[in-house]
PDB file of all heavy atoms in Angstrom:
ATOM      1  N   LEU A   1      66.225 237.788 130.729  1.00  0.00           N
ATOM      2  CA  LEU A   1      66.594 236.637 129.999  1.00  0.00           C
ATOM      3  C   LEU A   1      65.322 236.083 129.331  1.00  0.00           C
ATOM      4  O   LEU A   1      64.981 234.894 129.386  1.00  0.00           O
ATOM      5  CB  LEU A   1      67.206 235.503 130.847  1.00  0.00           C
ATOM      6  CG  LEU A   1      68.261 236.017 131.839  1.00  0.00           C
ATOM      7  CD1 LEU A   1      68.690 234.914 132.765  1.00  0.00           C
ATOM      8  CD2 LEU A   1      69.384 236.553 131.131  1.00  0.00           C
ATOM      9  N   ALA A   2      64.571 236.934 128.627  1.00  0.00           N
ATOM     10  CA  ALA A   2      63.351 236.435 127.968  1.00  0.00           C
ATOM     11  C   ALA A   2      63.506 235.292 127.033  1.00  0.00           C
ATOM     12  O   ALA A   2      62.752 234.318 126.931  1.00  0.00           O
ATOM     13  CB  ALA A   2      62.619 237.581 127.255  1.00  0.00           C
ATOM     14  N   LEU A   3      64.624 235.359 126.228  1.00  0.00           N
ATOM     15  CA  LEU A   3      64.914 234.229 125.337  1.00  0.00           C
ATOM     16  C   LEU A   3      65.215 232.940 125.981  1.00  0.00           C
ATOM     17  O   LEU A   3      64.648 231.918 125.656  1.00  0.00           O
ATOM     18  CB  LEU A   3      66.129 234.639 124.487  1.00  0.00           C
ATOM     19  CG  LEU A   3      66.580 233.520 123.472  1.00  0.00           C
ATOM     20  CD1 LEU A   3      65.403 233.187 122.562  1.00  0.00           C
ATOM     21  CD2 LEU A   3      67.816 233.951 122.718  1.00  0.00           C
ATOM     22  N   SER A   4      65.946 233.052 127.122  1.00  0.00           N
ATOM     23  CA  SER A   4      66.154 231.837 127.962  1.00  0.00           C
ATOM     24  C   SER A   4      64.904 231.340 128.551  1.00  0.00           C
ATOM     25  O   SER A   4      64.773 230.119 128.630  1.00  0.00           O
ATOM     26  CB  SER A   4      67.147 232.173 129.056  1.00  0.00           C
ATOM     27  OG  SER A   4      67.303 231.072 129.959  1.00  0.00           O
ATOM     28  N   ALA A   5      64.022 232.228 128.948  1.00  0.00           N
ATOM     29  CA  ALA A   5      62.716 231.817 129.533  1.00  0.00           C
ATOM     30  C   ALA A   5      62.003 230.942 128.473  1.00  0.00           C
ATOM     31  O   ALA A   5      61.439 229.846 128.863  1.00  0.00           O
ATOM     32  CB  ALA A   5      61.899 232.948 129.919  1.00  0.00           C
ATOM     33  N   LEU A   6      62.025 231.387 127.256  1.00  0.00           N
ATOM     34  CA  LEU A   6      61.260 230.599 126.250  1.00  0.00           C
ATOM     35  C   LEU A   6      61.908 229.251 126.037  1.00  0.00           C
ATOM     36  O   LEU A   6      61.280 228.295 125.894  1.00  0.00           O
ATOM     37  CB  LEU A   6      61.237 231.460 124.966  1.00  0.00           C
ATOM     38  CG  LEU A   6      60.403 232.667 125.002  1.00  0.00           C
ATOM     39  CD1 LEU A   6      60.550 233.460 123.675  1.00  0.00           C
ATOM     40  CD2 LEU A   6      58.818 232.340 125.168  1.00  0.00           C
ATOM     41  N   MET A   7      63.189 229.268 126.030  1.00  0.00           N
ATOM     42  CA  MET A   7      63.938 228.068 125.843  1.00  0.00           C
ATOM     43  C   MET A   7      63.649 227.048 126.973  1.00  0.00           C
ATOM     44  O   MET A   7      63.479 225.847 126.798  1.00  0.00           O
ATOM     45  CB  MET A   7      65.436 228.283 125.736  1.00  0.00           C
ATOM     46  CG  MET A   7      65.915 229.051 124.490  1.00  0.00           C
ATOM     47  SD  MET A   7      67.645 229.517 124.539  1.00  0.00           S
ATOM     48  CE  MET A   7      68.413 228.012 124.650  1.00  0.00           C
ATOM     49  N   CYS A   8      63.667 227.552 128.139  1.00  0.00           N
ATOM     50  CA  CYS A   8      63.600 226.751 129.336  1.00  0.00           C
ATOM     51  C   CYS A   8      62.172 226.233 129.496  1.00  0.00           C
ATOM     52  O   CYS A   8      61.890 225.146 129.987  1.00  0.00           O
ATOM     53  CB  CYS A   8      64.046 227.459 130.638  1.00  0.00           C
ATOM     54  SG  CYS A   8      65.808 227.670 130.718  1.00  0.00           S
ATOM     55  N   LEU A   9      61.137 227.113 129.213  1.00  0.00           N
ATOM     56  CA  LEU A   9      59.852 226.748 129.593  1.00  0.00           C
ATOM     57  C   LEU A   9      58.902 226.358 128.379  1.00  0.00           C
ATOM     58  O   LEU A   9      57.756 225.991 128.557  1.00  0.00           O
ATOM     59  CB  LEU A   9      59.250 227.976 130.307  1.00  0.00           C
ATOM     60  CG  LEU A   9      59.786 228.239 131.705  1.00  0.00           C
ATOM     61  CD1 LEU A   9      59.152 229.490 132.252  1.00  0.00           C
ATOM     62  CD2 LEU A   9      59.579 227.109 132.594  1.00  0.00           C
ATOM     63  N   GLY A  10      59.427 226.539 127.204  1.00  0.00           N
ATOM     64  CA  GLY A  10      58.530 226.311 126.087  1.00  0.00           C
ATOM     65  C   GLY A  10      58.006 224.890 126.002  1.00  0.00           C
ATOM     66  O   GLY A  10      56.864 224.652 125.481  1.00  0.00           O
ATOM     67  N   ILE A  11      58.649 223.941 126.614  1.00  0.00           N
ATOM     68  CA  ILE A  11      58.092 222.553 126.501  1.00  0.00           C
ATOM     69  C   ILE A  11      57.628 222.071 127.930  1.00  0.00           C
ATOM     70  O   ILE A  11      57.131 220.892 128.056  1.00  0.00           O
ATOM     71  CB  ILE A  11      59.214 221.584 126.027  1.00  0.00           C
ATOM     72  CG1 ILE A  11      60.379 221.510 126.974  1.00  0.00           C
ATOM     73  CG2 ILE A  11      59.626 221.914 124.637  1.00  0.00           C
ATOM     74  CD1 ILE A  11      61.382 220.488 126.532  1.00  0.00           C
ATOM     75  N   LEU A  12      57.733 222.887 128.893  1.00  0.00           N
ATOM     76  CA  LEU A  12      57.316 222.523 130.268  1.00  0.00           C
ATOM     77  C   LEU A  12      55.813 222.803 130.396  1.00  0.00           C
ATOM     78  O   LEU A  12      55.354 223.759 131.021  1.00  0.00           O
ATOM     79  CB  LEU A  12      58.076 223.217 131.299  1.00  0.00           C
ATOM     80  CG  LEU A  12      59.580 222.909 131.267  1.00  0.00           C
ATOM     81  CD1 LEU A  12      60.229 223.532 132.554  1.00  0.00           C
ATOM     82  CD2 LEU A  12      59.870 221.459 131.253  1.00  0.00           C
ATOM     83  N   THR A  13      55.011 221.989 129.710  1.00  0.00           N
ATOM     84  CA  THR A  13      53.518 222.224 129.714  1.00  0.00           C
ATOM     85  C   THR A  13      52.891 221.076 130.374  1.00  0.00           C
ATOM     86  O   THR A  13      53.355 220.043 130.581  1.00  0.00           O
ATOM     87  CB  THR A  13      53.018 222.399 128.260  1.00  0.00           C
ATOM     88  OG1 THR A  13      53.314 221.123 127.656  1.00  0.00           O
ATOM     89  CG2 THR A  13      53.722 223.453 127.574  1.00  0.00           C
ATOM     90  N   SER A  14      51.553 221.347 130.727  1.00  0.00           N
ATOM     91  CA  SER A  14      50.829 220.316 131.351  1.00  0.00           C
ATOM     92  C   SER A  14      49.352 220.515 131.136  1.00  0.00           C
ATOM     93  O   SER A  14      48.958 221.701 131.141  1.00  0.00           O
ATOM     94  CB  SER A  14      51.045 220.149 132.899  1.00  0.00           C
ATOM     95  OG  SER A  14      50.393 219.124 133.527  1.00  0.00           O
ATOM     96  N   CYS A  15      48.552 219.572 130.902  1.00  0.00           N
ATOM     97  CA  CYS A  15      47.136 219.690 130.720  1.00  0.00           C
ATOM     98  C   CYS A  15      46.444 218.471 131.162  1.00  0.00           C
ATOM     99  O   CYS A  15      47.023 217.523 131.645  1.00  0.00           O
ATOM    100  CB  CYS A  15      46.822 220.015 129.199  1.00  0.00           C
ATOM    101  SG  CYS A  15      47.463 218.704 128.089  1.00  0.00           S
ATOM    102  N   GLY A  16      45.030 218.506 131.039  1.00  0.00           N
ATOM    103  CA  GLY A  16      44.260 217.399 131.436  1.00  0.00           C
ATOM    104  C   GLY A  16      43.643 217.544 132.765  1.00  0.00           C
ATOM    105  O   GLY A  16      43.787 218.622 133.420  1.00  0.00           O
ATOM    106  N   ASN A  17      42.950 216.549 133.335  1.00  0.00           N
ATOM    107  CA  ASN A  17      42.166 216.692 134.536  1.00  0.00           C
ATOM    108  C   ASN A  17      43.101 216.880 135.757  1.00  0.00           C
ATOM    109  O   ASN A  17      42.660 217.433 136.764  1.00  0.00           O
ATOM    110  CB  ASN A  17      41.346 215.377 134.697  1.00  0.00           C
ATOM    111  CG  ASN A  17      40.265 215.253 133.652  1.00  0.00           C
ATOM    112  OD1 ASN A  17      39.760 216.317 133.088  1.00  0.00           O
ATOM    113  ND2 ASN A  17      39.897 213.999 133.412  1.00  0.00           N
ATOM    114  N   SER A  18      44.326 216.439 135.691  1.00  0.00           N
ATOM    115  CA  SER A  18      45.218 216.536 136.813  1.00  0.00           C
ATOM    116  C   SER A  18      45.984 217.885 136.885  1.00  0.00           C
ATOM    117  O   SER A  18      46.807 218.139 137.705  1.00  0.00           O
ATOM    118  CB  SER A  18      46.202 215.389 136.886  1.00  0.00           C
ATOM    119  OG  SER A  18      47.028 215.388 135.659  1.00  0.00           O
ATOM    120  N   PHE A  19      45.672 218.777 135.882  1.00  0.00           N
ATOM    121  CA  PHE A  19      46.492 219.960 135.835  1.00  0.00           C
ATOM    122  C   PHE A  19      46.206 220.923 137.112  1.00  0.00           C
ATOM    123  O   PHE A  19      45.158 221.037 137.537  1.00  0.00           O
ATOM    124  CB  PHE A  19      46.007 220.763 134.545  1.00  0.00           C
ATOM    125  CG  PHE A  19      46.673 222.172 134.547  1.00  0.00           C
ATOM    126  CD1 PHE A  19      48.058 222.235 134.259  1.00  0.00           C
ATOM    127  CD2 PHE A  19      45.940 223.273 134.785  1.00  0.00           C
ATOM    128  CE1 PHE A  19      48.656 223.458 134.254  1.00  0.00           C
ATOM    129  CE2 PHE A  19      46.541 224.499 134.778  1.00  0.00           C
ATOM    130  CZ  PHE A  19      47.932 224.598 134.434  1.00  0.00           C
ATOM    131  N   SER A  20      47.396 221.389 137.570  1.00  0.00           N
ATOM    132  CA  SER A  20      47.342 222.394 138.654  1.00  0.00           C
ATOM    133  C   SER A  20      48.332 223.490 138.326  1.00  0.00           C
ATOM    134  O   SER A  20      49.523 223.267 138.184  1.00  0.00           O
ATOM    135  CB  SER A  20      47.777 221.717 139.992  1.00  0.00           C
ATOM    136  OG  SER A  20      48.151 222.732 140.939  1.00  0.00           O
ATOM    137  N   ALA A  21      47.827 224.738 138.132  1.00  0.00           N
ATOM    138  CA  ALA A  21      48.695 225.821 137.798  1.00  0.00           C
ATOM    139  C   ALA A  21      49.803 226.074 138.835  1.00  0.00           C
ATOM    140  O   ALA A  21      50.937 226.376 138.561  1.00  0.00           O
ATOM    141  CB  ALA A  21      47.850 227.093 137.590  1.00  0.00           C
ATOM    142  N   GLY A  22      49.354 225.965 140.113  1.00  0.00           N
ATOM    143  CA  GLY A  22      50.326 226.180 141.184  1.00  0.00           C
ATOM    144  C   GLY A  22      51.431 225.136 141.186  1.00  0.00           C
ATOM    145  O   GLY A  22      52.596 225.419 141.356  1.00  0.00           O
ATOM    146  N   ASP A  23      51.094 223.855 140.925  1.00  0.00           N
ATOM    147  CA  ASP A  23      52.075 222.786 140.814  1.00  0.00           C
ATOM    148  C   ASP A  23      52.957 223.011 139.671  1.00  0.00           C
ATOM    149  O   ASP A  23      54.192 222.739 139.723  1.00  0.00           O
ATOM    150  CB  ASP A  23      51.414 221.448 140.762  1.00  0.00           C
ATOM    151  CG  ASP A  23      50.731 221.051 142.068  1.00  0.00           C
ATOM    152  OD1 ASP A  23      51.028 221.696 143.119  1.00  0.00           O
ATOM    153  OD2 ASP A  23      50.006 220.034 141.984  1.00  0.00           O
ATOM    154  N   LEU A  24      52.464 223.529 138.570  1.00  0.00           N
ATOM    155  CA  LEU A  24      53.263 223.822 137.353  1.00  0.00           C
ATOM    156  C   LEU A  24      54.319 224.850 137.608  1.00  0.00           C
ATOM    157  O   LEU A  24      55.473 224.689 137.269  1.00  0.00           O
ATOM    158  CB  LEU A  24      52.402 224.150 136.150  1.00  0.00           C
ATOM    159  CG  LEU A  24      53.128 224.351 134.793  1.00  0.00           C
ATOM    160  CD1 LEU A  24      53.855 223.099 134.411  1.00  0.00           C
ATOM    161  CD2 LEU A  24      52.193 224.908 133.726  1.00  0.00           C
ATOM    162  N   VAL A  25      53.881 225.918 138.284  1.00  0.00           N
ATOM    163  CA  VAL A  25      54.857 227.002 138.494  1.00  0.00           C
ATOM    164  C   VAL A  25      55.915 226.522 139.572  1.00  0.00           C
ATOM    165  O   VAL A  25      57.069 226.683 139.387  1.00  0.00           O
ATOM    166  CB  VAL A  25      54.072 228.235 139.135  1.00  0.00           C
ATOM    167  CG1 VAL A  25      55.093 229.261 139.636  1.00  0.00           C
ATOM    168  CG2 VAL A  25      53.237 228.896 138.090  1.00  0.00           C
TER     169      VAL A  25
END
């Protein structure tokens, strides 16, 4: 479901000093 993945995750971003890749996943 690659298209769905883009739809679902395209706006689920995070940045800044508090960013955690593990927490984002």
